[in-house]
N, C-alpha and C. Protein backbone atom coordinates (compact mmCIF):
# COMPACT_ATOMS: atom_id res chain seq x y z
N MET A 1 29.88 222.15 87.75
CA MET A 1 30.61 221.21 89.09
C MET A 1 30.21 220.07 89.49
N TRP A 2 28.61 220.05 88.76
CA TRP A 2 27.92 218.87 89.15
C TRP A 2 27.66 217.77 87.76
N THR A 3 27.59 216.72 88.12
CA THR A 3 26.92 215.96 86.73
C THR A 3 25.52 214.98 87.00
N ILE A 4 24.85 215.02 86.22
CA ILE A 4 23.60 214.43 86.57
C ILE A 4 23.68 213.02 85.96
N SER A 5 23.41 211.76 86.31
CA SER A 5 23.55 210.27 86.14
C SER A 5 22.64 209.91 85.47
N THR A 6 22.87 209.04 84.55
CA THR A 6 22.00 208.72 83.69
C THR A 6 21.98 206.72 84.03
N THR A 7 21.17 206.24 83.14
CA THR A 7 20.93 204.79 83.13
C THR A 7 22.40 204.06 83.14
N MET A 8 23.55 204.69 82.25
CA MET A 8 24.51 203.82 82.23
C MET A 8 25.62 204.09 83.66
N SER A 9 25.39 205.13 84.45
CA SER A 9 26.44 205.18 85.38
C SER A 9 27.04 204.12 86.30
N ILE A 10 27.76 203.82 85.92
CA ILE A 10 28.69 202.45 86.34
C ILE A 10 28.38 202.08 87.98
N PHE A 11 28.49 203.41 88.41
CA PHE A 11 28.79 203.67 90.24
C PHE A 11 27.35 203.25 90.52
N LEU A 12 25.96 203.32 89.99
CA LEU A 12 24.91 203.31 90.96
C LEU A 12 24.46 201.83 90.25
N LEU A 13 25.77 201.22 90.22
CA LEU A 13 24.70 199.50 90.00
C LEU A 13 24.41 198.88 91.37
N ALA A 14 25.43 199.03 92.34
CA ALA A 14 25.07 198.52 93.87
C ALA A 14 23.52 199.29 94.53
N LEU A 15 23.22 200.38 93.83
CA LEU A 15 21.85 200.70 94.35
C LEU A 15 20.81 199.68 93.60
N GLY A 16 20.50 198.68 92.89
CA GLY A 16 19.88 197.69 92.48
C GLY A 16 19.34 198.32 91.28
N PRO A 17 18.28 197.60 90.69
CA PRO A 17 18.22 197.69 88.95
C PRO A 17 17.49 199.01 88.97
N ASN A 18 18.01 200.02 89.16
CA ASN A 18 16.94 201.27 88.79
C ASN A 18 17.62 201.85 87.53
N ASN A 19 16.54 202.79 86.98
CA ASN A 19 16.98 203.67 85.70
C ASN A 19 16.79 205.27 86.41
N TRP A 20 18.12 205.90 85.53
CA TRP A 20 18.21 207.14 86.17
C TRP A 20 18.31 207.96 84.36
N SER A 21 18.10 209.06 85.16
CA SER A 21 17.63 209.77 83.89
C SER A 21 17.61 211.39 84.28
N SER A 22 18.50 212.03 83.34
CA SER A 22 18.44 213.68 83.63
C SER A 22 17.53 214.57 83.32
N ASN A 23 16.26 213.82 83.13
CA ASN A 23 14.95 214.68 83.09
C ASN A 23 14.39 214.91 84.59
N ASN A 24 14.54 214.05 85.64
CA ASN A 24 14.54 214.27 86.79
C ASN A 24 15.52 215.15 87.62
N VAL A 25 16.13 215.74 87.24
CA VAL A 25 17.14 216.60 88.16
C VAL A 25 17.03 218.10 87.14
N TRP A 26 16.47 219.39 87.67
CA TRP A 26 17.00 220.13 87.30
C TRP A 26 16.83 221.68 88.26
N LEU A 27 17.20 222.68 87.95
CA LEU A 27 17.16 223.77 88.58
C LEU A 27 16.02 224.79 88.39
N ASP A 28 14.96 225.29 89.48
CA ASP A 28 13.84 226.24 88.84
C ASP A 28 14.67 227.70 88.90
N ASN A 29 13.80 228.40 89.08
CA ASN A 29 14.17 229.83 89.01
C ASN A 29 14.84 230.58 89.91
N ASP A 30 15.07 230.01 91.19
CA ASP A 30 15.55 230.33 92.59
C ASP A 30 16.44 229.84 92.52
N ASN A 31 17.28 228.68 91.79
CA ASN A 31 17.87 228.38 91.49
C ASN A 31 17.94 227.03 92.79
N ASN A 32 16.90 226.65 93.09
CA ASN A 32 17.02 225.05 93.71
C ASN A 32 17.38 224.03 92.84
N LEU A 33 17.23 223.12 93.37
CA LEU A 33 17.89 221.67 92.66
C LEU A 33 16.48 220.82 93.06
N HIS A 34 15.93 220.25 92.13
CA HIS A 34 15.00 219.23 92.18
C HIS A 34 15.24 218.06 91.96
N LEU A 35 15.13 217.15 92.79
CA LEU A 35 15.43 215.74 92.15
C LEU A 35 13.78 215.23 92.17
N LYS A 36 13.64 214.00 91.17
CA LYS A 36 12.50 213.47 90.91
C LYS A 36 12.27 211.92 91.20
N LEU A 37 11.75 211.38 91.15
CA LEU A 37 11.31 210.35 90.93
C LEU A 37 10.39 209.62 90.62
N SER A 38 10.19 209.42 89.22
CA SER A 38 8.96 209.78 88.18
C SER A 38 8.57 208.54 87.38
N TYR A 39 7.39 208.74 86.77
CA TYR A 39 6.45 207.14 85.95
C TYR A 39 6.29 207.95 84.52
N SER A 40 6.61 207.20 83.48
CA SER A 40 6.26 207.48 82.20
C SER A 40 5.62 205.86 81.64
N SER A 41 5.00 206.10 80.73
CA SER A 41 4.81 204.22 80.41
C SER A 41 5.55 204.05 79.02
N THR A 42 6.35 205.18 78.91
CA THR A 42 7.68 204.82 77.77
C THR A 42 8.67 204.09 78.54
N THR A 43 9.06 204.86 79.91
CA THR A 43 9.99 204.45 80.49
C THR A 43 10.13 203.55 81.65
N GLY A 44 9.28 203.58 82.25
CA GLY A 44 8.47 203.33 83.53
C GLY A 44 9.00 203.86 84.48
N TRP A 45 9.65 203.54 85.59
CA TRP A 45 9.93 204.52 86.67
C TRP A 45 11.57 204.65 86.67
N THR A 46 11.60 206.50 86.55
CA THR A 46 13.03 206.65 86.51
C THR A 46 13.82 207.28 88.12
N CYS A 47 14.49 207.75 87.69
CA CYS A 47 15.62 207.77 89.58
C CYS A 47 16.26 209.13 89.01
N ALA A 48 16.46 209.74 90.12
CA ALA A 48 17.32 210.98 89.87
C ALA A 48 18.86 211.08 90.56
N GLU A 49 19.98 211.67 90.11
CA GLU A 49 21.09 211.87 91.18
C GLU A 49 22.00 212.59 90.49
N VAL A 50 22.54 213.93 91.13
CA VAL A 50 23.67 214.29 91.02
C VAL A 50 24.85 213.95 91.42
N TYR A 51 26.30 214.44 91.16
CA TYR A 51 27.39 214.24 91.98
C TYR A 51 28.38 215.42 91.53
N THR A 52 29.44 215.79 92.67
CA THR A 52 29.98 216.67 92.11
C THR A 52 31.22 216.54 91.43
N ASN A 53 32.07 217.47 90.59
CA ASN A 53 32.60 216.91 89.59
C ASN A 53 34.16 217.03 90.18
N VAL A 54 34.26 217.59 91.19
CA VAL A 54 35.25 217.93 92.60
C VAL A 54 35.29 217.07 94.31
N VAL A 55 36.08 216.96 94.55
CA VAL A 55 36.25 216.12 95.41
C VAL A 55 36.33 216.87 96.60
N PHE A 56 35.93 216.26 97.97
CA PHE A 56 36.03 216.96 99.20
C PHE A 56 36.59 215.86 100.14
N SER A 57 36.84 216.90 101.47
CA SER A 57 37.66 215.92 102.40
C SER A 57 36.91 216.46 103.47
N TYR A 58 38.19 216.52 104.88
CA TYR A 58 37.17 217.03 106.10
C TYR A 58 36.83 218.22 106.22
N GLY A 59 35.62 218.26 106.74
CA GLY A 59 35.05 219.74 106.87
C GLY A 59 33.64 219.34 107.12
N THR A 60 32.68 220.36 107.14
CA THR A 60 31.46 220.18 107.24
C THR A 60 30.45 220.28 106.00
N TYR A 61 29.77 219.48 105.90
CA TYR A 61 28.38 219.38 105.05
C TYR A 61 27.37 219.67 105.34
N ARG A 62 26.80 220.62 104.78
CA ARG A 62 25.28 220.78 105.15
C ARG A 62 24.41 221.05 103.80
N TRP A 63 23.18 220.14 104.14
CA TRP A 63 22.36 220.48 103.12
C TRP A 63 21.07 221.37 103.38
N PHE A 64 20.01 221.79 102.82
CA PHE A 64 18.84 222.66 103.19
C PHE A 64 17.95 221.76 102.07
N ILE A 65 16.89 220.82 102.79
CA ILE A 65 16.03 219.85 102.04
C ILE A 65 14.67 220.58 102.64
N GLU A 66 13.56 220.32 101.43
CA GLU A 66 12.18 220.82 100.90
C GLU A 66 11.70 219.39 100.81
N GLY A 67 11.12 219.13 101.61
CA GLY A 67 9.93 217.61 101.42
C GLY A 67 9.26 216.94 102.74
N ALA A 68 8.63 216.30 102.16
CA ALA A 68 7.93 215.60 103.62
C ALA A 68 9.09 214.01 103.54
N ILE A 69 9.74 214.23 103.84
CA ILE A 69 10.98 213.05 104.22
C ILE A 69 10.77 212.23 105.00
N ASP A 70 9.90 212.68 105.99
CA ASP A 70 9.52 211.71 107.39
C ASP A 70 8.10 210.46 106.92
N LYS A 71 7.59 211.30 105.58
CA LYS A 71 6.62 210.48 105.04
C LYS A 71 6.66 209.54 103.84
N LEU A 72 7.84 209.59 102.91
CA LEU A 72 8.33 209.21 101.88
C LEU A 72 7.89 207.67 101.66
N ASP A 73 7.59 207.00 101.28
CA ASP A 73 7.00 205.81 100.64
C ASP A 73 7.71 204.40 101.03
N PRO A 74 7.44 203.62 101.36
CA PRO A 74 8.57 202.56 101.86
C PRO A 74 10.01 201.98 100.87
N ASN A 75 9.08 202.12 99.78
CA ASN A 75 10.40 201.83 98.95
C ASN A 75 11.13 203.21 98.32
N VAL A 76 11.08 204.15 98.97
CA VAL A 76 11.94 205.71 98.47
C VAL A 76 13.03 205.98 99.16
N VAL A 77 14.18 206.03 98.71
CA VAL A 77 15.32 206.59 99.30
C VAL A 77 15.75 208.55 98.82
N LEU A 78 15.96 209.14 99.80
CA LEU A 78 16.62 210.28 99.52
C LEU A 78 18.10 209.86 100.26
N GLY A 79 19.19 210.01 99.11
CA GLY A 79 20.56 210.08 99.69
C GLY A 79 21.47 211.39 99.59
N LEU A 80 21.98 211.50 100.94
CA LEU A 80 23.26 212.81 100.90
C LEU A 80 24.22 211.71 101.27
N PHE A 81 25.33 212.40 100.61
CA PHE A 81 26.51 211.23 100.72
C PHE A 81 27.57 211.35 99.97
N THR A 82 29.06 210.96 100.74
CA THR A 82 30.14 211.29 99.66
C THR A 82 29.96 209.79 99.21
N TYR A 83 31.01 209.49 98.08
CA TYR A 83 31.53 208.08 97.89
C TYR A 83 32.31 208.15 96.84
N GLN A 84 33.50 207.64 97.19
CA GLN A 84 34.81 207.29 96.75
C GLN A 84 34.29 206.45 95.53
N GLY A 85 33.66 205.21 95.45
CA GLY A 85 33.52 204.70 93.91
C GLY A 85 33.86 202.71 94.56
N LEU A 86 34.55 202.76 95.30
CA LEU A 86 34.68 201.43 96.07
C LEU A 86 33.39 201.06 97.16
N ASP A 87 32.51 200.08 97.01
CA ASP A 87 31.12 199.81 97.83
C ASP A 87 31.84 199.10 99.04
N GLY A 88 31.13 199.72 100.08
CA GLY A 88 31.42 199.08 101.19
C GLY A 88 32.80 199.95 102.59
N THR A 89 33.41 201.12 101.50
CA THR A 89 34.47 201.81 102.13
C THR A 89 34.38 203.12 101.59
N ASN A 90 34.89 204.25 102.76
CA ASN A 90 34.82 205.55 102.51
C ASN A 90 33.94 206.03 102.42
N GLU A 91 32.96 205.81 102.63
CA GLU A 91 31.63 206.47 102.15
C GLU A 91 30.52 206.76 104.08
N ILE A 92 30.12 208.30 103.41
CA ILE A 92 29.71 209.10 104.60
C ILE A 92 28.21 209.81 103.84
N ASP A 93 26.81 208.45 104.81
CA ASP A 93 25.73 208.93 104.40
C ASP A 93 24.77 209.12 105.30
N ILE A 94 24.00 210.44 104.89
CA ILE A 94 22.07 210.55 105.46
C ILE A 94 21.45 209.82 104.83
N GLU A 95 20.82 209.03 104.91
CA GLU A 95 19.70 208.57 103.99
C GLU A 95 18.10 208.83 104.58
N ALA A 96 17.14 209.40 104.52
CA ALA A 96 15.95 209.15 104.45
C ALA A 96 15.08 208.06 103.48
N ALA A 97 14.63 206.99 104.63
CA ALA A 97 14.44 205.84 103.83
C ALA A 97 13.47 204.98 104.70
N ARG A 98 12.51 203.94 104.57
CA ARG A 98 12.20 202.84 105.10
C ARG A 98 12.96 201.29 104.80
N TRP A 99 13.42 201.38 103.71
CA TRP A 99 14.34 200.35 103.20
C TRP A 99 13.45 198.99 103.01
N GLY A 100 11.96 199.60 102.61
CA GLY A 100 10.88 198.56 102.28
C GLY A 100 9.95 198.13 103.39
N GLN A 101 10.26 198.58 104.32
CA GLN A 101 9.23 198.71 105.87
C GLN A 101 8.02 199.04 106.10
N LYS A 102 7.21 198.41 106.05
CA LYS A 102 6.01 198.74 105.98
C LYS A 102 5.62 198.83 107.34
N LYS A 103 6.07 198.92 108.43
CA LYS A 103 5.41 198.92 109.81
C LYS A 103 5.33 200.75 110.09
N ALA A 104 4.34 200.73 110.91
CA ALA A 104 4.00 202.40 111.12
C ALA A 104 5.48 203.03 111.78
N ARG A 105 5.93 202.24 112.95
CA ARG A 105 7.21 202.55 113.89
C ARG A 105 8.24 202.56 113.34
N ALA A 106 8.72 201.86 111.51
CA ALA A 106 10.21 201.47 111.40
C ALA A 106 10.58 203.09 111.30
N SER A 107 11.79 202.71 111.62
CA SER A 107 12.64 204.00 111.40
C SER A 107 12.91 204.51 109.88
N ASN A 108 13.03 205.89 109.92
CA ASN A 108 13.20 206.15 108.43
C ASN A 108 14.26 207.84 108.09
N LEU A 109 15.00 207.70 108.94
CA LEU A 109 16.59 208.05 108.72
C LEU A 109 17.65 207.57 109.56
N PHE A 110 18.59 207.88 108.46
CA PHE A 110 19.64 207.12 109.13
C PHE A 110 21.30 207.35 108.81
N TYR A 111 21.52 207.23 109.64
CA TYR A 111 23.10 207.71 109.37
C TYR A 111 24.28 206.93 109.09
N THR A 112 25.28 206.62 108.16
CA THR A 112 26.20 205.42 108.00
C THR A 112 27.26 205.84 107.70
N VAL A 113 27.92 205.15 108.59
CA VAL A 113 29.70 205.21 107.90
C VAL A 113 30.38 203.93 107.41
N TYR A 114 31.07 204.22 106.20
CA TYR A 114 31.63 202.88 106.25
C TYR A 114 33.17 203.06 106.27
N PRO A 115 33.90 202.07 106.92
CA PRO A 115 35.36 202.14 107.14
C PRO A 115 36.02 202.59 106.05
N LYS A 116 37.53 203.02 106.42
CA LYS A 116 38.30 203.24 105.48
C LYS A 116 38.98 202.39 104.47
N ILE A 117 39.03 201.32 104.82
CA ILE A 117 39.64 199.91 103.75
C ILE A 117 38.17 198.82 104.29
N LEU A 118 38.38 197.93 103.44
CA LEU A 118 37.93 196.42 103.39
C LEU A 118 38.44 195.50 104.39
N GLY A 119 37.73 195.25 105.17
CA GLY A 119 38.41 194.34 106.11
C GLY A 119 37.37 193.86 107.10
N ASN A 120 38.09 193.61 108.62
CA ASN A 120 37.32 193.19 109.71
C ASN A 120 36.14 194.04 110.29
N THR A 121 36.32 195.43 109.90
CA THR A 121 35.64 196.55 110.12
C THR A 121 34.60 196.58 109.74
N GLN A 122 33.35 196.39 110.95
CA GLN A 122 31.99 196.74 109.79
C GLN A 122 31.50 198.17 109.91
N PRO A 123 30.80 198.19 108.93
CA PRO A 123 30.08 200.00 108.99
C PRO A 123 29.58 200.05 110.43
N VAL A 124 29.34 201.66 110.41
CA VAL A 124 28.85 201.85 111.53
C VAL A 124 27.40 202.91 111.66
N SER A 125 26.84 202.18 112.20
CA SER A 125 24.99 203.19 111.54
C SER A 125 23.80 203.25 112.70
N THR A 126 23.40 204.35 112.40
CA THR A 126 21.94 204.38 113.47
C THR A 126 20.68 205.12 112.46
N GLY A 127 20.08 204.76 113.16
CA GLY A 127 18.44 205.00 112.75
C GLY A 127 17.75 205.54 113.79
N THR A 128 16.21 206.45 113.41
CA THR A 128 15.28 206.86 114.24
C THR A 128 14.31 206.78 113.57
N LEU A 129 13.16 207.33 114.05
CA LEU A 129 11.51 207.48 112.94
C LEU A 129 11.46 208.47 113.50
N ILE A 130 11.66 209.51 112.61
CA ILE A 130 10.99 210.93 112.91
C ILE A 130 9.84 211.58 112.39
N SER A 131 9.39 212.68 113.03
CA SER A 131 8.20 213.18 112.35
C SER A 131 8.41 214.76 112.71
N LEU A 132 8.11 214.86 111.08
CA LEU A 132 8.77 216.53 111.28
C LEU A 132 7.41 217.74 111.50
N GLN A 133 7.72 218.57 111.56
CA GLN A 133 7.17 220.07 112.10
C GLN A 133 6.63 220.53 110.62
N GLY A 134 7.30 220.63 110.13
CA GLY A 134 7.17 221.07 108.56
C GLY A 134 7.86 220.24 107.51
N THR A 135 8.01 220.50 106.50
CA THR A 135 8.75 220.18 105.18
C THR A 135 10.10 220.68 104.76
N TYR A 136 10.55 221.94 105.86
CA TYR A 136 12.01 222.06 105.62
C TYR A 136 12.45 221.52 106.81
N THR A 137 13.75 221.12 106.07
CA THR A 137 14.57 220.32 107.29
C THR A 137 16.53 220.79 106.89
N THR A 138 17.02 220.74 107.68
CA THR A 138 18.60 221.03 107.73
C THR A 138 19.18 219.79 108.02
N HIS A 139 20.04 218.99 107.31
CA HIS A 139 21.20 217.47 107.81
C HIS A 139 22.59 217.83 107.17
N GLN A 140 23.22 218.18 108.78
CA GLN A 140 24.70 218.41 108.01
C GLN A 140 25.58 216.80 108.63
N PHE A 141 26.90 216.84 108.33
CA PHE A 141 27.50 215.97 109.36
C PHE A 141 28.92 216.66 108.90
N THR A 142 30.01 216.44 110.11
CA THR A 142 31.54 217.39 110.23
C THR A 142 32.12 215.83 110.22
N TRP A 143 32.75 215.91 109.71
CA TRP A 143 33.93 214.50 108.99
C TRP A 143 35.81 215.13 109.61
N THR A 144 36.18 214.50 110.51
CA THR A 144 37.75 214.85 111.30
C THR A 144 38.00 213.75 110.72
N SER A 145 39.16 213.45 111.08
CA SER A 145 40.29 212.33 111.67
C SER A 145 40.00 211.26 112.07
N GLN A 146 39.51 212.16 113.21
CA GLN A 146 38.80 211.20 114.22
C GLN A 146 37.41 210.59 114.43
N LYS A 147 36.65 211.40 113.66
CA LYS A 147 35.37 210.96 114.08
C LYS A 147 34.24 211.83 113.15
N ILE A 148 33.20 211.32 113.00
CA ILE A 148 32.05 211.98 112.04
C ILE A 148 31.37 212.04 113.15
N SER A 149 30.56 213.44 112.68
CA SER A 149 29.58 213.79 113.78
C SER A 149 28.16 214.37 112.80
N PHE A 150 26.74 213.83 113.08
CA PHE A 150 25.74 213.99 112.24
C PHE A 150 24.98 214.50 113.05
N GLN A 151 23.82 215.43 112.80
CA GLN A 151 22.67 215.85 113.13
C GLN A 151 21.66 216.63 111.72
N SER A 152 20.60 216.77 112.46
CA SER A 152 19.33 217.13 111.52
C SER A 152 18.70 217.99 112.21
N GLN A 153 17.96 219.01 111.49
CA GLN A 153 17.27 220.17 111.99
C GLN A 153 16.16 221.05 111.66
N HIS A 154 15.06 221.02 112.75
CA HIS A 154 13.70 221.00 111.87
C HIS A 154 13.99 222.46 111.42
N GLY A 155 13.46 222.91 109.90
CA GLY A 155 13.58 224.45 109.60
C GLY A 155 15.05 224.30 108.77
N PHE A 156 15.35 225.34 108.22
CA PHE A 156 16.45 225.69 107.50
C PHE A 156 17.22 226.56 108.66
N GLN A 157 18.64 226.25 108.97
CA GLN A 157 19.62 226.68 110.08
C GLN A 157 21.09 226.48 109.84
N ILE A 158 21.25 227.76 110.05
CA ILE A 158 22.63 228.11 109.46
C ILE A 158 23.53 227.43 111.05
N SER A 159 22.86 228.24 111.99
CA SER A 159 23.45 227.64 113.30
C SER A 159 23.61 225.63 113.44
N PRO A 160 24.13 225.36 113.87
CA PRO A 160 23.77 223.95 114.30
C PRO A 160 23.28 223.29 115.48
N ASN A 161 23.09 224.68 116.29
CA ASN A 161 22.45 224.21 117.23
C ASN A 161 20.78 224.04 117.55
N PRO A 162 20.59 224.86 116.67
CA PRO A 162 18.73 225.10 117.06
C PRO A 162 17.99 223.92 116.31
N ASN A 163 16.82 223.58 117.23
CA ASN A 163 16.04 222.84 116.45
C ASN A 163 16.57 221.36 116.32
N ILE A 164 17.34 220.64 117.09
CA ILE A 164 17.82 219.37 116.65
C ILE A 164 17.01 218.55 117.09
N PHE A 165 16.52 217.49 116.19
CA PHE A 165 16.18 216.38 116.19
C PHE A 165 16.63 215.23 115.95
N PHE A 166 17.82 215.10 115.27
CA PHE A 166 18.49 213.10 115.64
C PHE A 166 19.79 213.90 115.15
N SER A 167 20.56 213.16 116.07
CA SER A 167 22.04 213.56 116.23
C SER A 167 22.95 212.04 116.38
N TYR A 168 24.31 211.53 116.06
CA TYR A 168 25.11 210.68 116.04
C TYR A 168 26.51 211.41 115.82
N GLN A 169 27.21 210.23 116.57
CA GLN A 169 28.65 210.44 116.78
C GLN A 169 29.36 209.42 116.35
N THR A 170 30.17 209.05 115.81
CA THR A 170 30.83 207.91 115.44
C THR A 170 31.57 207.32 116.66
N PRO A 171 31.18 206.42 117.34
CA PRO A 171 31.87 205.86 118.65
C PRO A 171 33.80 205.65 118.57
N ASP A 172 34.32 205.77 119.64
CA ASP A 172 35.55 205.85 119.76
C ASP A 172 36.66 204.57 119.20
N SER A 173 35.56 203.52 119.46
CA SER A 173 36.06 202.12 118.54
C SER A 173 36.50 202.38 116.99
N PHE A 174 35.95 203.32 116.59
CA PHE A 174 35.59 203.52 115.17
C PHE A 174 37.07 203.77 114.75
N GLU A 175 37.31 205.10 115.33
CA GLU A 175 38.52 205.92 115.30
C GLU A 175 39.35 205.48 113.85
N SER A 176 39.97 204.29 114.29
CA SER A 176 40.87 204.11 113.50
C SER A 176 40.59 203.92 111.90
N SER A 177 39.32 203.52 111.81
CA SER A 177 38.14 203.31 110.62
C SER A 177 37.72 204.20 109.63
N VAL A 178 37.78 205.66 110.19
CA VAL A 178 37.26 206.64 110.16
C VAL A 178 37.51 206.86 108.66
N PRO A 179 37.02 206.75 107.42
CA PRO A 179 37.52 207.56 106.25
C PRO A 179 38.37 208.16 105.97
N ASN A 180 39.31 208.11 105.34
CA ASN A 180 40.05 209.38 104.75
C ASN A 180 40.29 209.40 103.39
N GLY A 181 41.35 210.63 103.10
CA GLY A 181 41.15 210.71 101.51
C GLY A 181 40.04 211.68 101.29
N THR A 182 39.76 211.54 99.77
CA THR A 182 38.69 212.92 99.57
C THR A 182 37.52 211.74 98.62
N ALA A 183 36.32 212.44 98.32
CA ALA A 183 35.23 212.10 98.00
C ALA A 183 34.54 212.84 97.25
N PRO A 184 33.88 212.45 96.16
CA PRO A 184 32.57 213.06 95.60
C PRO A 184 31.53 213.32 96.55
N VAL A 185 30.49 214.75 96.25
CA VAL A 185 29.56 214.51 96.87
C VAL A 185 28.14 213.87 96.20
N HIS A 186 27.11 213.20 96.96
CA HIS A 186 25.89 212.87 95.96
C HIS A 186 24.81 213.36 96.40
N MET A 187 23.61 213.51 95.51
CA MET A 187 22.42 213.68 95.75
C MET A 187 21.64 212.80 95.21
N ASN A 188 20.88 211.70 95.87
CA ASN A 188 19.89 211.02 94.98
C ASN A 188 18.46 210.64 95.34
N LEU A 189 17.50 210.37 94.48
CA LEU A 189 16.36 210.15 94.84
C LEU A 189 15.86 208.76 93.80
N TRP A 190 15.75 207.36 94.82
CA TRP A 190 15.62 206.29 94.31
C TRP A 190 14.68 205.09 95.07
N ALA A 191 14.56 204.21 93.73
CA ALA A 191 13.92 203.27 94.38
C ALA A 191 14.29 201.86 95.17
N PHE A 192 14.28 201.63 96.55
CA PHE A 192 14.82 200.53 96.69
C PHE A 192 14.82 199.06 96.29
N GLN A 193 15.39 198.53 96.30
CA GLN A 193 15.62 197.28 95.26
C GLN A 193 14.94 197.35 93.93
N GLY A 194 14.88 198.78 93.47
CA GLY A 194 14.15 198.79 92.41
C GLY A 194 12.36 198.63 92.15
N LYS A 195 12.52 198.66 93.27
CA LYS A 195 10.47 198.45 93.51
C LYS A 195 10.05 199.67 92.92
N PRO A 196 8.87 200.10 92.85
CA PRO A 196 8.43 201.16 92.66
C PRO A 196 7.69 201.99 93.53
N PRO A 197 7.42 202.85 94.05
CA PRO A 197 6.67 203.21 95.36
C PRO A 197 5.38 202.36 95.78
N MET A 198 5.24 202.03 96.73
CA MET A 198 4.06 200.76 97.24
C MET A 198 3.19 202.09 96.94
N ASN A 199 2.59 203.14 97.22
CA ASN A 199 1.48 203.75 97.02
C ASN A 199 1.33 204.53 95.20
N GLY A 200 2.30 204.06 94.38
CA GLY A 200 2.14 204.70 93.45
C GLY A 200 2.53 205.81 92.88
N GLN A 201 2.38 206.63 93.88
CA GLN A 201 2.94 208.29 93.63
C GLN A 201 4.44 208.40 93.32
N GLU A 202 4.54 209.51 92.22
CA GLU A 202 5.81 209.97 91.82
C GLU A 202 6.26 211.09 93.19
N VAL A 203 7.85 211.42 93.61
CA VAL A 203 8.36 211.81 94.55
C VAL A 203 9.26 212.94 93.58
N GLU A 204 8.57 213.90 94.53
CA GLU A 204 10.03 215.23 94.58
C GLU A 204 10.58 215.92 95.51
N ILE A 205 11.59 216.23 95.68
CA ILE A 205 12.63 216.87 96.54
C ILE A 205 13.20 217.74 96.25
N ILE A 206 13.17 218.87 96.82
CA ILE A 206 13.85 219.96 96.65
C ILE A 206 15.01 220.63 97.71
N ILE A 207 16.12 220.62 97.02
CA ILE A 207 17.57 220.99 97.76
C ILE A 207 17.70 222.10 97.52
N HIS A 208 17.55 223.37 98.58
CA HIS A 208 17.42 224.75 98.54
C HIS A 208 19.07 224.72 98.62
N GLY A 209 19.84 224.11 99.14
CA GLY A 209 21.28 224.78 98.87
C GLY A 209 21.99 223.52 99.64
N PHE A 210 23.81 223.19 99.00
CA PHE A 210 24.28 222.30 99.74
C PHE A 210 25.86 223.32 99.90
N ASN A 211 26.27 223.18 101.21
CA ASN A 211 27.42 224.16 101.79
C ASN A 211 28.30 223.09 102.51
N TYR A 212 29.80 223.59 101.82
CA TYR A 212 30.63 222.37 102.27
C TYR A 212 31.88 223.50 103.28
N THR A 213 31.94 223.65 104.24
CA THR A 213 33.01 224.26 104.98
C THR A 213 34.29 223.69 105.31
N GLN A 214 35.55 224.23 105.07
CA GLN A 214 36.39 223.48 105.35
C GLN A 214 36.88 223.65 106.85
N PRO A 215 37.40 222.64 107.56
CA PRO A 215 38.04 222.57 109.07
C PRO A 215 38.95 223.80 109.51
């Protein structure tokens, strides 16, 4: 069901000059998915990505994440998203990132939606500064033909209601531009603009589960 990205994956070129390695993706004995941004003296810094071999459409997408995503280095990005293959369109993103910003109050969690066709409509996006109570979080979006609703929660949550620390809904003015069609699901851990972590430390994120629920 899943494909692991490598250096030659064409659709990753938009993410900058990153190197991608299958060695940075694995399942542990509990069937949890590990993504790692790692360094070696022979390959330098390498990143991680997996994506589905099947496509999805309207419905609810939910991830159960273990990791201090509120403390990621400014050059490290965790992405949970749909992507059809044409940059700037039909993409729905949840990203834990500072985009290179060193400021202590810089936002570090973003929701972004790209319109269904290239044109005059700009993406809609929102970001916030999060400070977690632990390292377990749940992130989801619900995609309909009219809107996309995001939320993030402390802990691992099956219900969409408890412990919400960030949420967003695309504005009514964006309804005619909401993505349509189908797209694979991607999960990746990478270096912003190909730059190594400022602190020089490797990063590992554990994905305890991904669920898709049809409407």
